[in-house]
Amino acid sequence: MKKIIVFTLLSFCSCVIVLAQDQPKFKFIAGPELSFATGSFSDKSSFGIGATGQVDISLKEKIYGTITSGIHFFNGKSIAGSSTTKTTGPTIIPVRVGGKYFVVGGVYTAFQMGVAFISNNTDYNGTAFAYSPQLGYEFRTKTGRAVDATFKYDGYSKNGIGALGFRLAYVF
């Protein structure tokens, strides 16, 4: 796991150095997220809420490097046969790097990978490989402020954890 993380970070840094010949432009994106558990993860958790912060680094026209971290709190489900006992949903702190490509206008695709720290749940505690394919749209409001709407899938290598998510974030 450590080799994957080190390789990912070194690859990302190399891309930034090679592609960012001019002074790089940075954007900071932050906002709330809503996630819905998928697969076997949905047997014990239902939905999650959280927030993420992301730094976008302009590498070339339409291409950005990304660094993202945040926190997600998942709600546990009631245990079968018990109306009062619920499982404890995990808390997930992902740290990912990746890339973003603007296809046309404000529409983009992105992919990130890294590591996630999972706690507060006996079934899922520990560290996991994290990945997140994304589809988003960055648009301007009437006041000229930028907003980022992202649909994504967050997958983790620990016990089938996965979630479909939506983020609506402010671009600084």
Protein backbone atom coordinates (compact mmCIF):
# COMPACT_ATOMS: atom_id res chain seq x y z
CA MET A 1 0.00 0.00 0.00
CA LYS A 2 2.80 2.43 0.87
CA LYS A 3 4.47 1.77 -2.49
CA ILE A 4 1.24 2.62 -4.33
CA ILE A 5 0.84 5.87 -2.40
CA VAL A 6 4.47 6.91 -2.92
CA PHE A 7 4.32 6.01 -6.64
CA THR A 8 1.08 7.97 -7.06
CA LEU A 9 2.45 11.07 -5.34
CA LEU A 10 5.74 10.94 -7.28
CA SER A 11 3.88 10.52 -10.59
CA PHE A 12 1.65 13.46 -9.82
CA CYS A 13 4.56 15.70 -8.82
CA SER A 14 6.48 14.71 -11.96
CA CYS A 15 3.50 15.63 -14.15
CA VAL A 16 3.16 18.99 -12.42
CA ILE A 17 6.86 19.78 -12.92
CA VAL A 18 6.93 18.70 -16.58
CA LEU A 19 3.61 20.18 -17.70
CA ALA A 20 3.57 23.41 -15.69
CA GLN A 21 6.23 25.32 -17.61
CA ASP A 22 4.55 28.68 -16.97
CA GLN A 23 3.52 29.92 -13.57
CA PRO A 24 0.80 27.44 -12.54
CA LYS A 25 -2.69 28.73 -11.76
CA PHE A 26 -4.39 27.34 -8.68
CA LYS A 27 -8.07 27.02 -7.87
CA PHE A 28 -9.44 25.97 -4.50
CA ILE A 29 -12.78 24.16 -4.50
CA ALA A 30 -14.69 23.37 -1.31
CA GLY A 31 -18.17 22.14 -0.56
CA PRO A 32 -20.53 19.59 0.96
CA GLU A 33 -21.10 16.08 -0.37
CA LEU A 34 -23.94 13.60 -0.21
CA SER A 35 -23.18 9.90 -0.80
CA PHE A 36 -25.25 6.73 -1.11
CA ALA A 37 -23.71 3.37 -0.19
CA THR A 38 -23.55 0.77 -2.98
CA GLY A 39 -22.98 -2.98 -3.21
CA SER A 40 -22.38 -4.96 -0.01
CA PHE A 41 -21.56 -1.69 1.78
CA SER A 42 -25.25 -0.75 1.49
CA ASP A 43 -26.16 -3.74 3.70
CA LYS A 44 -24.76 -1.93 6.76
CA SER A 45 -24.74 1.75 5.73
CA SER A 46 -27.28 3.87 3.92
CA PHE A 47 -26.06 7.37 3.12
CA GLY A 48 -23.20 9.63 4.02
CA ILE A 49 -22.65 13.35 4.39
CA GLY A 50 -19.37 15.16 4.38
CA ALA A 51 -17.25 17.88 2.87
CA THR A 52 -14.15 18.04 0.71
CA GLY A 53 -11.55 20.57 -0.26
CA GLN A 54 -9.72 20.31 -3.57
CA VAL A 55 -6.82 22.16 -5.14
CA ASP A 56 -6.76 22.30 -8.95
CA ILE A 57 -3.40 23.09 -10.55
CA SER A 58 -3.47 24.22 -14.19
CA LEU A 59 -1.05 22.07 -16.20
CA LYS A 60 -2.08 22.79 -19.80
CA GLU A 61 -5.12 24.27 -21.47
CA LYS A 62 -8.13 22.23 -20.22
CA ILE A 63 -5.92 19.92 -18.07
CA TYR A 64 -5.59 20.20 -14.29
CA GLY A 65 -3.84 18.20 -11.61
CA THR A 66 -5.93 17.72 -8.48
CA ILE A 67 -5.28 17.15 -4.78
CA THR A 68 -8.36 16.34 -2.67
CA SER A 69 -9.12 15.55 0.96
CA GLY A 70 -12.20 15.64 3.14
CA ILE A 71 -14.30 13.69 5.56
CA HIS A 72 -17.43 11.54 5.12
CA PHE A 73 -19.72 10.29 7.86
CA PHE A 74 -21.89 7.30 6.89
CA ASN A 75 -25.16 6.46 8.63
CA GLY A 76 -25.51 2.90 9.90
CA LYS A 77 -28.57 0.73 9.24
CA SER A 78 -30.77 -1.11 11.71
CA ILE A 79 -29.70 -4.67 12.43
CA ALA A 80 -32.14 -7.25 10.99
CA GLY A 81 -34.70 -8.35 13.57
CA SER A 82 -34.07 -5.35 15.85
CA SER A 83 -35.97 -2.10 15.69
CA THR A 84 -33.67 -0.29 18.13
CA THR A 85 -30.13 -1.51 17.36
CA LYS A 86 -28.20 0.13 14.52
CA THR A 87 -24.78 -0.57 13.09
CA THR A 88 -22.23 2.21 13.42
CA GLY A 89 -21.49 3.80 10.08
CA PRO A 90 -17.82 4.39 9.27
CA THR A 91 -16.05 7.73 9.06
CA ILE A 92 -13.87 7.96 5.95
CA ILE A 93 -11.07 10.48 5.37
CA PRO A 94 -9.82 10.19 1.76
CA VAL A 95 -6.59 11.78 0.48
CA ARG A 96 -6.38 11.56 -3.32
CA VAL A 97 -4.44 13.00 -6.25
CA GLY A 98 -5.46 12.90 -9.87
CA GLY A 99 -6.30 14.75 -13.03
CA LYS A 100 -9.17 16.69 -14.55
CA TYR A 101 -9.87 17.29 -18.23
CA PHE A 102 -12.40 19.83 -19.49
CA VAL A 103 -14.09 18.15 -22.45
CA VAL A 104 -16.17 21.09 -23.68
CA GLY A 105 -17.06 24.34 -21.93
CA GLY A 106 -17.44 23.66 -18.22
CA VAL A 107 -18.02 19.89 -18.60
CA TYR A 108 -15.14 17.76 -17.29
CA THR A 109 -14.10 14.24 -16.46
CA ALA A 110 -11.70 13.45 -13.65
CA PHE A 111 -10.03 10.51 -11.97
CA GLN A 112 -8.36 10.46 -8.57
CA MET A 113 -6.64 7.81 -6.49
CA GLY A 114 -4.89 7.66 -3.16
CA VAL A 115 -5.52 6.43 0.36
CA ALA A 116 -8.46 6.52 2.79
CA PHE A 117 -8.43 6.30 6.55
CA ILE A 118 -11.52 4.51 7.84
CA SER A 119 -12.63 4.49 11.49
CA ASN A 120 -15.58 4.16 13.90
CA ASN A 121 -16.66 0.79 12.56
CA THR A 122 -15.34 -2.66 13.51
CA ASP A 123 -16.03 -4.09 10.03
CA TYR A 124 -14.13 -1.42 8.11
CA ASN A 125 -11.44 0.14 10.37
CA GLY A 126 -8.04 0.70 8.77
CA THR A 127 -6.41 2.10 5.67
CA ALA A 128 -7.60 1.41 2.13
CA PHE A 129 -6.69 2.24 -1.46
CA ALA A 130 -9.15 4.90 -2.70
CA TYR A 131 -10.23 5.76 -6.25
CA SER A 132 -12.83 8.12 -7.65
CA PRO A 133 -13.95 8.51 -11.28
CA GLN A 134 -15.94 11.73 -11.72
CA LEU A 135 -18.08 13.70 -14.14
CA GLY A 136 -18.70 17.35 -13.41
CA TYR A 137 -19.75 20.76 -14.60
CA GLU A 138 -18.17 24.05 -13.54
CA PHE A 139 -20.41 27.04 -14.20
CA ARG A 140 -20.70 30.73 -13.41
CA THR A 141 -23.56 32.23 -11.44
CA LYS A 142 -25.23 35.53 -12.33
CA THR A 143 -22.84 37.27 -9.94
CA GLY A 144 -19.82 35.82 -11.76
CA ARG A 145 -18.87 33.32 -9.04
CA ALA A 146 -17.90 29.81 -10.10
CA VAL A 147 -19.69 26.70 -8.80
CA ASP A 148 -18.68 23.07 -9.35
CA ALA A 149 -21.29 20.28 -9.51
CA THR A 150 -19.74 16.79 -9.45
CA PHE A 151 -21.22 13.29 -9.77
CA LYS A 152 -18.78 10.59 -8.71
CA TYR A 153 -18.17 7.10 -7.48
CA ASP A 154 -15.91 6.62 -4.46
CA GLY A 155 -14.44 3.14 -4.23
CA TYR A 156 -12.24 1.70 -1.50
CA SER A 157 -10.28 -1.56 -1.34
CA LYS A 158 -11.63 -2.48 2.10
CA ASN A 159 -14.53 -4.95 2.33
CA GLY A 160 -16.43 -3.69 -0.71
CA ILE A 161 -16.91 -0.09 0.42
CA GLY A 162 -18.30 2.04 -2.38
CA ALA A 163 -20.63 5.01 -2.74
CA LEU A 164 -22.23 7.14 -5.42
CA GLY A 165 -21.86 10.78 -4.54
CA PHE A 166 -22.76 14.33 -5.45
CA ARG A 167 -20.84 17.49 -4.51
CA LEU A 168 -21.89 21.08 -5.02
CA ALA A 169 -18.87 23.25 -4.30
CA TYR A 170 -17.74 26.83 -4.46
CA VAL A 171 -14.68 27.64 -6.62
CA PHE A 172 -12.32 30.21 -5.08
